[in-house]
C-alpha atoms as a PDB file:
ATOM      1  CA  MET A   1      52.330 184.602 126.160  1.00  0.00           C
ATOM      2  CA  ASP A   2      56.321 183.715 126.630  1.00  0.00           C
ATOM      3  CA  THR A   3      56.723 179.969 125.293  1.00  0.00           C
ATOM      4  CA  THR A   4      60.356 180.371 125.617  1.00  0.00           C
ATOM      5  CA  THR A   5      61.943 177.629 126.986  1.00  0.00           C
ATOM      6  CA  PRO A   6      63.765 178.639 130.240  1.00  0.00           C
ATOM      7  CA  VAL A   7      67.587 177.754 130.321  1.00  0.00           C
ATOM      8  CA  ALA A   8      70.043 177.965 133.149  1.00  0.00           C
ATOM      9  CA  PRO A   9      72.014 180.770 133.350  1.00  0.00           C
ATOM     10  CA  GLY A  10      75.333 180.335 131.251  1.00  0.00           C
ATOM     11  CA  PHE A  11      73.500 178.468 128.734  1.00  0.00           C
ATOM     12  CA  ASP A  12      71.622 179.413 125.603  1.00  0.00           C
ATOM     13  CA  ALA A  13      69.176 177.016 123.438  1.00  0.00           C
ATOM     14  CA  ARG A  14      71.378 176.213 120.624  1.00  0.00           C
ATOM     15  CA  PHE A  15      74.126 174.451 123.382  1.00  0.00           C
ATOM     16  CA  ILE A  16      71.643 172.220 124.705  1.00  0.00           C
ATOM     17  CA  ALA A  17      70.245 171.300 121.267  1.00  0.00           C
ATOM     18  CA  GLU A  18      74.212 170.113 120.563  1.00  0.00           C
ATOM     19  CA  LEU A  19      74.043 168.274 123.811  1.00  0.00           C
ATOM     20  CA  GLY A  20      70.997 166.453 122.511  1.00  0.00           C
ATOM     21  CA  ILE A  21      72.650 165.530 119.185  1.00  0.00           C
ATOM     22  CA  LYS A  22      75.702 164.308 120.778  1.00  0.00           C
ATOM     23  CA  GLY A  23      73.729 162.458 123.762  1.00  0.00           C
ATOM     24  CA  ALA A  24      72.012 160.500 120.841  1.00  0.00           C
ATOM     25  CA  GLN A  25      75.123 159.684 118.972  1.00  0.00           C
ATOM     26  CA  ALA A  26      77.256 156.873 119.225  1.00  0.00           C
ATOM     27  CA  GLN A  27      80.438 157.252 121.362  1.00  0.00           C
ATOM     28  CA  ASP A  28      83.904 156.499 121.211  1.00  0.00           C
ATOM     29  CA  LEU A  29      85.022 153.893 124.449  1.00  0.00           C
ATOM     30  CA  GLU A  30      88.575 152.659 125.231  1.00  0.00           C
ATOM     31  CA  ILE A  31      87.985 149.372 127.496  1.00  0.00           C
ATOM     32  CA  ASP A  32      90.885 148.619 130.037  1.00  0.00           C
ATOM     33  CA  LEU A  33      91.916 145.007 129.622  1.00  0.00           C
ATOM     34  CA  THR A  34      95.340 145.276 131.811  1.00  0.00           C
ATOM     35  CA  SER A  35      93.413 143.949 134.879  1.00  0.00           C
ATOM     36  CA  LEU A  36      92.944 140.571 133.056  1.00  0.00           C
ATOM     37  CA  GLU A  37      96.584 140.019 132.957  1.00  0.00           C
ATOM     38  CA  ASP A  38      96.351 137.986 129.697  1.00  0.00           C
ATOM     39  CA  ALA A  39      99.842 138.168 127.464  1.00  0.00           C
ATOM     40  CA  GLY A  40      97.318 136.847 124.691  1.00  0.00           C
ATOM     41  CA  LEU A  41      95.315 140.078 124.897  1.00  0.00           C
ATOM     42  CA  PRO A  42      96.161 143.563 124.164  1.00  0.00           C
ATOM     43  CA  THR A  43      96.227 146.253 126.973  1.00  0.00           C
ATOM     44  CA  SER A  44      92.577 147.944 125.756  1.00  0.00           C
ATOM     45  CA  ILE A  45      90.280 147.673 122.946  1.00  0.00           C
ATOM     46  CA  PRO A  46      87.906 150.056 121.360  1.00  0.00           C
ATOM     47  CA  ALA A  47      84.288 149.996 121.163  1.00  0.00           C
ATOM     48  CA  LEU A  48      81.373 152.234 120.080  1.00  0.00           C
ATOM     49  CA  TRP A  49      78.258 152.880 122.785  1.00  0.00           C
ATOM     50  CA  ASP A  50      74.814 153.202 121.245  1.00  0.00           C
ATOM     51  CA  PRO A  51      72.777 155.210 123.272  1.00  0.00           C
ATOM     52  CA  LYS A  52      69.617 154.226 121.148  1.00  0.00           C
ATOM     53  CA  GLY A  53      69.695 150.626 121.670  1.00  0.00           C
ATOM     54  CA  ALA A  54      71.852 150.733 124.941  1.00  0.00           C
ATOM     55  CA  THR A  55      74.469 148.522 123.440  1.00  0.00           C
ATOM     56  CA  LEU A  56      78.044 148.232 122.959  1.00  0.00           C
ATOM     57  CA  ILE A  57      79.211 147.510 119.605  1.00  0.00           C
ATOM     58  CA  SER A  58      82.941 145.757 118.483  1.00  0.00           C
ATOM     59  CA  VAL A  59      85.132 148.430 116.109  1.00  0.00           C
ATOM     60  CA  GLN A  60      86.901 145.315 114.404  1.00  0.00           C
ATOM     61  CA  ALA A  61      83.242 143.494 114.190  1.00  0.00           C
ATOM     62  CA  GLU A  62      81.952 146.588 112.152  1.00  0.00           C
ATOM     63  CA  ALA A  63      85.997 147.063 110.614  1.00  0.00           C
ATOM     64  CA  GLU A  64      86.135 143.456 109.342  1.00  0.00           C
ATOM     65  CA  LYS A  65      83.356 144.170 107.017  1.00  0.00           C
ATOM     66  CA  TYR A  66      85.188 146.369 105.051  1.00  0.00           C
ATOM     67  CA  ARG A  67      88.498 143.959 105.222  1.00  0.00           C
ATOM     68  CA  LEU A  68      90.569 144.279 101.816  1.00  0.00           C
ATOM     69  CA  ALA A  69      93.085 141.461 102.931  1.00  0.00           C
ATOM     70  CA  PRO A  70      93.160 138.892 105.792  1.00  0.00           C
ATOM     71  CA  LYS A  71      94.724 139.502 109.008  1.00  0.00           C
ATOM     72  CA  ALA A  72      96.441 135.848 109.062  1.00  0.00           C
ATOM     73  CA  ARG A  73      97.539 133.115 107.018  1.00  0.00           C
ATOM     74  CA  ARG A  74      94.999 130.195 107.644  1.00  0.00           C
ATOM     75  CA  GLY A  75      93.563 127.081 105.793  1.00  0.00           C
ATOM     76  CA  THR A  76      95.200 123.755 104.687  1.00  0.00           C
ATOM     77  CA  ALA A  77      97.451 123.484 101.288  1.00  0.00           C
ATOM     78  CA  LYS A  78      97.324 119.907 100.009  1.00  0.00           C
ATOM     79  CA  ALA A  79     100.677 118.659  98.166  1.00  0.00           C
ATOM     80  CA  LEU A  80     100.844 115.756  95.927  1.00  0.00           C
ATOM     81  CA  THR A  81     104.481 114.910  95.903  1.00  0.00           C
ATOM     82  CA  LEU A  82     106.796 115.263  98.606  1.00  0.00           C
ATOM     83  CA  GLU A  83     109.038 118.017  96.547  1.00  0.00           C
ATOM     84  CA  SER A  84     105.750 120.542  96.425  1.00  0.00           C
ATOM     85  CA  PHE A  85     105.126 119.604  99.984  1.00  0.00           C
ATOM     86  CA  ILE A  86     109.375 120.413 100.729  1.00  0.00           C
ATOM     87  CA  ALA A  87     108.865 123.276  98.723  1.00  0.00           C
ATOM     88  CA  LEU A  88     105.490 124.963 100.355  1.00  0.00           C
ATOM     89  CA  VAL A  89     107.543 124.283 103.486  1.00  0.00           C
ATOM     90  CA  ASN A  90     110.238 126.209 102.357  1.00  0.00           C
ATOM     91  CA  ARG A  91     108.126 128.952 101.172  1.00  0.00           C
ATOM     92  CA  HIS A  92     105.544 129.781 104.086  1.00  0.00           C
ATOM     93  CA  ALA A  93     108.071 128.658 106.971  1.00  0.00           C
ATOM     94  CA  THR A  94     108.883 130.762 110.041  1.00  0.00           C
ATOM     95  CA  GLU A  95     111.362 130.236 113.146  1.00  0.00           C
ATOM     96  CA  HIS A  96     108.708 128.249 114.731  1.00  0.00           C
ATOM     97  CA  SER A  97     107.083 126.080 111.941  1.00  0.00           C
ATOM     98  CA  VAL A  98     107.266 122.093 112.583  1.00  0.00           C
ATOM     99  CA  VAL A  99     105.911 118.907 110.787  1.00  0.00           C
ATOM    100  CA  PHE A 100     104.496 116.143 112.348  1.00  0.00           C
ATOM    101  CA  ALA A 101     104.617 112.481 110.562  1.00  0.00           C
ATOM    102  CA  ASP A 102     101.998 110.136 111.131  1.00  0.00           C
ATOM    103  CA  THR A 103     103.808 106.793 109.929  1.00  0.00           C
ATOM    104  CA  THR A 104     101.437 104.744 110.159  1.00  0.00           C
ATOM    105  CA  TRP A 105     102.063 102.658 107.083  1.00  0.00           C
ATOM    106  CA  THR A 106      97.806 102.292 105.901  1.00  0.00           C
ATOM    107  CA  LYS A 107      97.739 105.976 105.529  1.00  0.00           C
ATOM    108  CA  PRO A 108     100.961 108.056 106.463  1.00  0.00           C
ATOM    109  CA  SER A 109     101.025 111.367 106.460  1.00  0.00           C
ATOM    110  CA  PHE A 110     102.987 114.513 106.939  1.00  0.00           C
ATOM    111  CA  THR A 111     101.406 117.754 108.335  1.00  0.00           C
ATOM    112  CA  ALA A 112     103.807 121.299 108.560  1.00  0.00           C
ATOM    113  CA  VAL A 113     101.953 123.978 110.936  1.00  0.00           C
ATOM    114  CA  ILE A 114     103.454 126.715 110.137  1.00  0.00           C
ATOM    115  CA  ASP A 115     102.176 129.297 112.663  1.00  0.00           C
ATOM    116  CA  TYR A 116     102.978 126.581 115.223  1.00  0.00           C
ATOM    117  CA  HIS A 117     103.421 127.615 119.286  1.00  0.00           C
ATOM    118  CA  PRO A 118     107.293 129.453 119.419  1.00  0.00           C
ATOM    119  CA  THR A 119     109.201 127.833 122.159  1.00  0.00           C
ATOM    120  CA  GLU A 120     108.951 130.837 124.997  1.00  0.00           C
ATOM    121  CA  PRO A 121     107.407 129.140 128.225  1.00  0.00           C
ATOM    122  CA  ARG A 122     105.053 132.039 128.763  1.00  0.00           C
ATOM    123  CA  GLY A 123     103.281 133.678 126.338  1.00  0.00           C
ATOM    124  CA  GLY A 124     104.222 131.438 123.759  1.00  0.00           C
ATOM    125  CA  ALA A 125     100.981 130.238 121.745  1.00  0.00           C
ATOM    126  CA  ASP A 126      99.847 130.664 118.115  1.00  0.00           C
ATOM    127  CA  PHE A 127      96.571 129.548 116.310  1.00  0.00           C
ATOM    128  CA  GLY A 128      98.249 127.011 114.553  1.00  0.00           C
ATOM    129  CA  LYS A 129      95.657 127.332 111.604  1.00  0.00           C
ATOM    130  CA  HIS A 130      97.939 127.611 108.823  1.00  0.00           C
ATOM    131  CA  ARG A 131      98.991 124.062 107.819  1.00  0.00           C
ATOM    132  CA  ILE A 132     100.090 122.189 105.072  1.00  0.00           C
ATOM    133  CA  LEU A 133      99.320 118.565 104.066  1.00  0.00           C
ATOM    134  CA  TYR A 134     100.849 115.310 102.185  1.00  0.00           C
ATOM    135  CA  ASP A 135      99.058 112.235 102.833  1.00  0.00           C
ATOM    136  CA  PHE A 136     101.307 110.386 100.491  1.00  0.00           C
ATOM    137  CA  PRO A 137      98.861 109.528  97.813  1.00  0.00           C
ATOM    138  CA  LEU A 138      98.978 105.883  96.784  1.00  0.00           C
ATOM    139  CA  SER A 139      99.977 104.742  93.364  1.00  0.00           C
ATOM    140  CA  GLU A 140      98.070 102.808  90.777  1.00  0.00           C
ATOM    141  CA  GLU A 141     100.484 100.356  90.773  1.00  0.00           C
ATOM    142  CA  TRP A 142     100.939  99.735  94.465  1.00  0.00           C
ATOM    143  CA  LYS A 143      97.095  99.546  94.971  1.00  0.00           C
ATOM    144  CA  ALA A 144      96.934  97.200  92.323  1.00  0.00           C
ATOM    145  CA  TRP A 145      99.444  94.997  94.055  1.00  0.00           C
ATOM    146  CA  VAL A 146      97.707  95.481  97.429  1.00  0.00           C
ATOM    147  CA  LYS A 147      94.243  94.887  96.082  1.00  0.00           C
ATOM    148  CA  MET A 148      95.088  91.442  94.887  1.00  0.00           C
ATOM    149  CA  ASP A 149      97.259  90.630  98.082  1.00  0.00           C
ATOM    150  CA  GLY A 150      96.421  87.020  98.994  1.00  0.00           C
ATOM    151  CA  GLN A 151      93.213  86.736  96.800  1.00  0.00           C
ATOM    152  CA  GLN A 152      92.628  83.346  94.775  1.00  0.00           C
ATOM    153  CA  MET A 153      93.340  83.502  91.447  1.00  0.00           C
ATOM    154  CA  SER A 154      92.573  80.990  88.401  1.00  0.00           C
ATOM    155  CA  GLN A 155      95.458  79.835  86.002  1.00  0.00           C
ATOM    156  CA  LEU A 156      94.578  82.105  83.677  1.00  0.00           C
ATOM    157  CA  ASP A 157      93.436  85.293  85.968  1.00  0.00           C
ATOM    158  CA  PHE A 158      97.019  84.872  87.567  1.00  0.00           C
ATOM    159  CA  ALA A 159      98.855  84.724  84.108  1.00  0.00           C
ATOM    160  CA  VAL A 160      97.394  87.866  82.702  1.00  0.00           C
ATOM    161  CA  PHE A 161      98.044  89.458  85.878  1.00  0.00           C
ATOM    162  CA  LEU A 162     102.066  88.668  85.592  1.00  0.00           C
ATOM    163  CA  GLU A 163     102.255  89.572  82.659  1.00  0.00           C
ATOM    164  CA  ASP A 164     100.747  92.992  82.978  1.00  0.00           C
ATOM    165  CA  ARG A 165     102.835  94.187  86.248  1.00  0.00           C
ATOM    166  CA  ILE A 166     105.862  92.111  85.067  1.00  0.00           C
ATOM    167  CA  ALA A 167     107.803  95.550  84.532  1.00  0.00           C
ATOM    168  CA  GLU A 168     107.347  95.743  88.504  1.00  0.00           C
ATOM    169  CA  LEU A 169     109.514  93.079  89.349  1.00  0.00           C
ATOM    170  CA  SER A 170     113.157  92.752  89.571  1.00  0.00           C
ATOM    171  CA  ALA A 171     116.120  90.228  90.247  1.00  0.00           C
ATOM    172  CA  PRO A 172     117.051  89.942  92.897  1.00  0.00           C
ATOM    173  CA  MET A 173     120.549  90.985  94.807  1.00  0.00           C
ATOM    174  CA  ASP A 174     123.083  88.607  95.567  1.00  0.00           C
ATOM    175  CA  ALA A 175     122.623  89.353  99.256  1.00  0.00           C
ATOM    176  CA  GLU A 176     118.548  89.557  98.756  1.00  0.00           C
ATOM    177  CA  LYS A 177     119.179  85.704  97.247  1.00  0.00           C
ATOM    178  CA  ALA A 178     120.881  84.652  99.866  1.00  0.00           C
ATOM    179  CA  ASP A 179     119.262  86.199 102.744  1.00  0.00           C
ATOM    180  CA  LEU A 180     115.424  85.164 101.385  1.00  0.00           C
ATOM    181  CA  GLU A 181     116.363  81.545 100.281  1.00  0.00           C
ATOM    182  CA  ARG A 182     117.462  80.644 103.730  1.00  0.00           C
ATOM    183  CA  ASP A 183     114.932  82.233 105.676  1.00  0.00           C
ATOM    184  CA  PHE A 184     112.475  81.326 103.492  1.00  0.00           C
ATOM    185  CA  ALA A 185     113.914  77.327 102.436  1.00  0.00           C
ATOM    186  CA  THR A 186     112.290  78.275  99.096  1.00  0.00           C
ATOM    187  CA  THR A 187     114.138  79.430  95.443  1.00  0.00           C
ATOM    188  CA  ILE A 188     113.895  82.869  94.505  1.00  0.00           C
ATOM    189  CA  ALA A 189     112.030  84.170  90.936  1.00  0.00           C
ATOM    190  CA  THR A 190     113.728  86.580  88.912  1.00  0.00           C
ATOM    191  CA  PRO A 191     111.853  88.369  86.546  1.00  0.00           C
ATOM    192  CA  ALA A 192     112.471  86.253  83.176  1.00  0.00           C
ATOM    193  CA  ASP A 193     111.039  83.057  85.496  1.00  0.00           C
ATOM    194  CA  LEU A 194     108.294  84.480  86.248  1.00  0.00           C
ATOM    195  CA  ILE A 195     107.332  85.391  82.429  1.00  0.00           C
ATOM    196  CA  GLN A 196     108.261  81.718  81.350  1.00  0.00           C
ATOM    197  CA  LEU A 197     106.243  80.626  84.351  1.00  0.00           C
ATOM    198  CA  SER A 198     102.953  82.799  83.410  1.00  0.00           C
ATOM    199  CA  ARG A 199     103.683  81.514  79.861  1.00  0.00           C
ATOM    200  CA  LYS A 200     103.473  78.057  80.844  1.00  0.00           C
ATOM    201  CA  LEU A 201     100.242  79.165  82.791  1.00  0.00           C
ATOM    202  CA  HIS A 202      98.350  80.104  79.698  1.00  0.00           C
ATOM    203  CA  VAL A 203      99.396  76.735  77.929  1.00  0.00           C
ATOM    204  CA  THR A 204      97.763  74.818  80.585  1.00  0.00           C
ATOM    205  CA  VAL A 205      94.545  76.885  81.086  1.00  0.00           C
ATOM    206  CA  GLU A 206      92.299  73.563  80.281  1.00  0.00           C
ATOM    207  CA  SER A 207      94.670  71.324  82.290  1.00  0.00           C
ATOM    208  CA  LYS A 208      93.914  69.440  85.823  1.00  0.00           C
ATOM    209  CA  VAL A 209      96.350  68.723  87.971  1.00  0.00           C
ATOM    210  CA  THR A 210      98.325  64.842  88.300  1.00  0.00           C
ATOM    211  CA  ASN A 211     101.023  65.539  90.596  1.00  0.00           C
ATOM    212  CA  ALA A 212     102.437  68.462  92.547  1.00  0.00           C
ATOM    213  CA  HIS A 213     105.023  68.314  95.478  1.00  0.00           C
ATOM    214  CA  THR A 214     107.718  70.405  96.888  1.00  0.00           C
ATOM    215  CA  LEU A 215     111.168  69.686  95.581  1.00  0.00           C
ATOM    216  CA  GLN A 216     114.296  69.407  97.974  1.00  0.00           C
ATOM    217  CA  SER A 217     115.520  73.330  96.965  1.00  0.00           C
ATOM    218  CA  GLY A 218     112.113  74.425  98.367  1.00  0.00           C
ATOM    219  CA  ALA A 219     110.444  75.443  95.268  1.00  0.00           C
ATOM    220  CA  GLY A 220     106.998  73.797  93.740  1.00  0.00           C
ATOM    221  CA  GLN A 221     106.497  71.500  90.950  1.00  0.00           C
ATOM    222  CA  ILE A 222     103.513  70.588  89.115  1.00  0.00           C
ATOM    223  CA  GLN A 223     102.305  68.852  86.868  1.00  0.00           C
ATOM    224  CA  TRP A 224      98.978  68.350  84.632  1.00  0.00           C
ATOM    225  CA  GLU A 225      97.075  65.903  82.410  1.00  0.00           C
ATOM    226  CA  GLU A 226      96.528  68.190  79.337  1.00  0.00           C
ATOM    227  CA  GLU A 227      93.431  68.195  77.509  1.00  0.00           C
ATOM    228  CA  HIS A 228      93.899  70.131  74.588  1.00  0.00           C
ATOM    229  CA  LYS A 229      96.410  69.977  71.842  1.00  0.00           C
ATOM    230  CA  GLY A 230     100.147  71.461  71.496  1.00  0.00           C
ATOM    231  CA  ALA A 231     100.436  71.357  75.392  1.00  0.00           C
ATOM    232  CA  ASP A 232     104.025  69.238  76.103  1.00  0.00           C
ATOM    233  CA  GLY A 233     103.001  67.979  79.725  1.00  0.00           C
ATOM    234  CA  LYS A 234     105.998  69.217  81.007  1.00  0.00           C
ATOM    235  CA  PRO A 235     106.422  69.758  84.786  1.00  0.00           C
ATOM    236  CA  ILE A 236     106.564  73.408  85.959  1.00  0.00           C
ATOM    237  CA  THR A 237     108.954  74.442  88.290  1.00  0.00           C
ATOM    238  CA  VAL A 238     107.807  77.356  90.665  1.00  0.00           C
ATOM    239  CA  PRO A 239     109.739  79.438  92.906  1.00  0.00           C
ATOM    240  CA  GLY A 240     108.373  80.196  96.335  1.00  0.00           C
ATOM    241  CA  ILE A 241     109.416  83.948  96.231  1.00  0.00           C
ATOM    242  CA  PHE A 242     110.264  87.157  94.207  1.00  0.00           C
ATOM    243  CA  ILE A 243     111.145  90.834  94.326  1.00  0.00           C
ATOM    244  CA  LEU A 244     108.522  93.586  93.572  1.00  0.00           C
ATOM    245  CA  ASN A 245     110.387  96.567  92.624  1.00  0.00           C
ATOM    246  CA  ILE A 246     107.361  99.773  93.186  1.00  0.00           C
ATOM    247  CA  ALA A 247     106.963 102.789  94.032  1.00  0.00           C
ATOM    248  CA  PRO A 248     104.109 102.376  96.904  1.00  0.00           C
ATOM    249  CA  PHE A 249     103.220 106.373  96.540  1.00  0.00           C
ATOM    250  CA  PHE A 250     102.448 108.328  93.565  1.00  0.00           C
ATOM    251  CA  MET A 251     105.658 110.293  91.934  1.00  0.00           C
ATOM    252  CA  GLY A 252     107.706 108.518  95.389  1.00  0.00           C
ATOM    253  CA  ASP A 253     110.762 106.245  95.336  1.00  0.00           C
ATOM    254  CA  LYS A 254     110.679 102.841  94.791  1.00  0.00           C
ATOM    255  CA  VAL A 255     111.133 100.439  97.982  1.00  0.00           C
ATOM    256  CA  ARG A 256     112.305  96.675  97.363  1.00  0.00           C
ATOM    257  CA  ILE A 257     109.101  94.177  98.780  1.00  0.00           C
ATOM    258  CA  PRO A 258     109.675  90.169  99.034  1.00  0.00           C
ATOM    259  CA  VAL A 259     106.671  88.453  98.024  1.00  0.00           C
ATOM    260  CA  ARG A 260     105.723  84.766  98.602  1.00  0.00           C
ATOM    261  CA  LEU A 261     104.114  82.800  95.966  1.00  0.00           C
ATOM    262  CA  ARG A 262     101.665  80.015  96.869  1.00  0.00           C
ATOM    263  CA  TYR A 263      99.441  77.637  94.677  1.00  0.00           C
ATOM    264  CA  ARG A 264      96.579  75.179  95.709  1.00  0.00           C
ATOM    265  CA  ALA A 265      96.272  72.199  93.955  1.00  0.00           C
ATOM    266  CA  LYS A 266      92.781  69.538  93.955  1.00  0.00           C
ATOM    267  CA  GLY A 267      92.473  68.907  90.385  1.00  0.00           C
ATOM    268  CA  THR A 268      92.282  72.463  89.213  1.00  0.00           C
ATOM    269  CA  ILE A 269      95.219  75.140  90.931  1.00  0.00           C
ATOM    270  CA  THR A 270      94.997  77.823  91.946  1.00  0.00           C
ATOM    271  CA  TRP A 271      97.344  81.081  92.492  1.00  0.00           C
ATOM    272  CA  SER A 272      97.859  83.589  95.297  1.00  0.00           C
ATOM    273  CA  PHE A 273     100.897  86.216  96.105  1.00  0.00           C
ATOM    274  CA  HIS A 274     101.687  87.585  99.540  1.00  0.00           C
ATOM    275  CA  ILE A 275     103.410  90.628  99.867  1.00  0.00           C
ATOM    276  CA  TYR A 276     105.901  90.178 102.968  1.00  0.00           C
ATOM    277  CA  ARG A 277     105.513  92.853 105.785  1.00  0.00           C
ATOM    278  CA  PRO A 278     104.197  96.034 103.657  1.00  0.00           C
ATOM    279  CA  ASP A 279     104.190  97.391 107.348  1.00  0.00           C
ATOM    280  CA  GLU A 280     107.537  97.145 107.672  1.00  0.00           C
ATOM    281  CA  HIS A 281     109.152  98.375 103.984  1.00  0.00           C
ATOM    282  CA  VAL A 282     106.244 101.475 103.561  1.00  0.00           C
ATOM    283  CA  THR A 283     106.858 102.847 107.198  1.00  0.00           C
ATOM    284  CA  ASP A 284     110.868 102.789 106.319  1.00  0.00           C
ATOM    285  CA  ARG A 285     110.134 104.703 103.209  1.00  0.00           C
ATOM    286  CA  VAL A 286     108.210 107.349 105.133  1.00  0.00           C
ATOM    287  CA  ARG A 287     110.601 107.688 107.625  1.00  0.00           C
ATOM    288  CA  THR A 288     113.501 108.028 105.301  1.00  0.00           C
ATOM    289  CA  ASP A 289     111.337 110.914 103.456  1.00  0.00           C
ATOM    290  CA  LEU A 290     110.844 112.432 106.993  1.00  0.00           C
ATOM    291  CA  ASP A 291     114.599 112.574 107.122  1.00  0.00           C
ATOM    292  CA  THR A 292     114.717 114.215 103.930  1.00  0.00           C
ATOM    293  CA  VAL A 293     112.065 116.827 105.168  1.00  0.00           C
ATOM    294  CA  ALA A 294     113.661 117.489 107.852  1.00  0.00           C
ATOM    295  CA  ARG A 295     117.364 117.943 106.056  1.00  0.00           C
ATOM    296  CA  GLU A 296     115.160 120.203 103.085  1.00  0.00           C
ATOM    297  CA  THR A 297     113.280 122.264 105.671  1.00  0.00           C
ATOM    298  CA  GLU A 298     115.773 122.657 108.297  1.00  0.00           C
ATOM    299  CA  ARG A 299     112.613 122.438 110.480  1.00  0.00           C
ATOM    300  CA  PRO A 300     111.956 120.005 113.405  1.00  0.00           C
ATOM    301  CA  VAL A 301     110.078 117.136 112.533  1.00  0.00           C
ATOM    302  CA  TYR A 302     107.668 115.027 115.137  1.00  0.00           C
ATOM    303  CA  GLU A 303     106.125 111.405 114.839  1.00  0.00           C
ATOM    304  CA  GLY A 304     102.149 112.060 115.971  1.00  0.00           C
ATOM    305  CA  ALA A 305     100.098 114.419 115.553  1.00  0.00           C
ATOM    306  CA  PRO A 306      99.489 118.015 115.862  1.00  0.00           C
ATOM    307  CA  GLU A 307      96.595 119.875 118.596  1.00  0.00           C
ATOM    308  CA  MET A 308      93.510 120.607 116.933  1.00  0.00           C
ATOM    309  CA  ALA A 309      93.696 124.411 115.653  1.00  0.00           C
ATOM    310  CA  ALA A 310      92.859 127.054 117.909  1.00  0.00           C
ATOM    311  CA  ALA A 311      89.580 128.774 117.549  1.00  0.00           C
END
């Protein structure tokens, strides 16, 4: 009995077997995308057709499994100093890179978007995923002053605070002295005045206030009834304002900020200080640094925040 499979004329069994093998294998395809008219897409994309699973396989997805290096830069580098931020921007910047600045004084920051959108009106888009951040880390000195701003302190606590932070104070310049004493109708203290004040406060730590009033100059004057030996009982003249010379940000430039000095006398006395308009001084410092960034990176700068990174 003849069991040979009949074939069409001109085709032998080997040819048919090869067709069967090819039919069971994945096939290369090229998908045309020109009809989509999207400048962000290529004209075509490669794919594989799997006849067994009747599925279309992405060539890119398969190739990504064996990638040796990333296809694009992405992620956010964090700079701890302004100098490092500028250096990193200069290292990575392209002709389209920009810098955004959040000038909110409580939490300012600079964000450089390296792969920002080109300026061309059509087809000008990028992913915006490669960024550099400088979030103005606060200095320990500034945090100490802000923490106690407006807080009532005992004589001893205030004296200790002044002694610990005396290096952050500054004598007023002539123009500052004239303007502040006029605007606040009080006297302005030098660091030496505050050192003397802190020492006298130590002496009178256990005293009771017998008299507290404001002098014609605007300064306060306090007199105590002494309860221990060694105190002279003389009045202490208290200035109404002093100058803080401090860098609000880690390794940043210093700013000069007026600080008001106040006390309350009710048998015993409590002290407090109030930093005057820290928002103006910090924001001015941030904007000055922003000018430095614009000058040294030669990149456009904007006050605001960038768009969310593209998917």
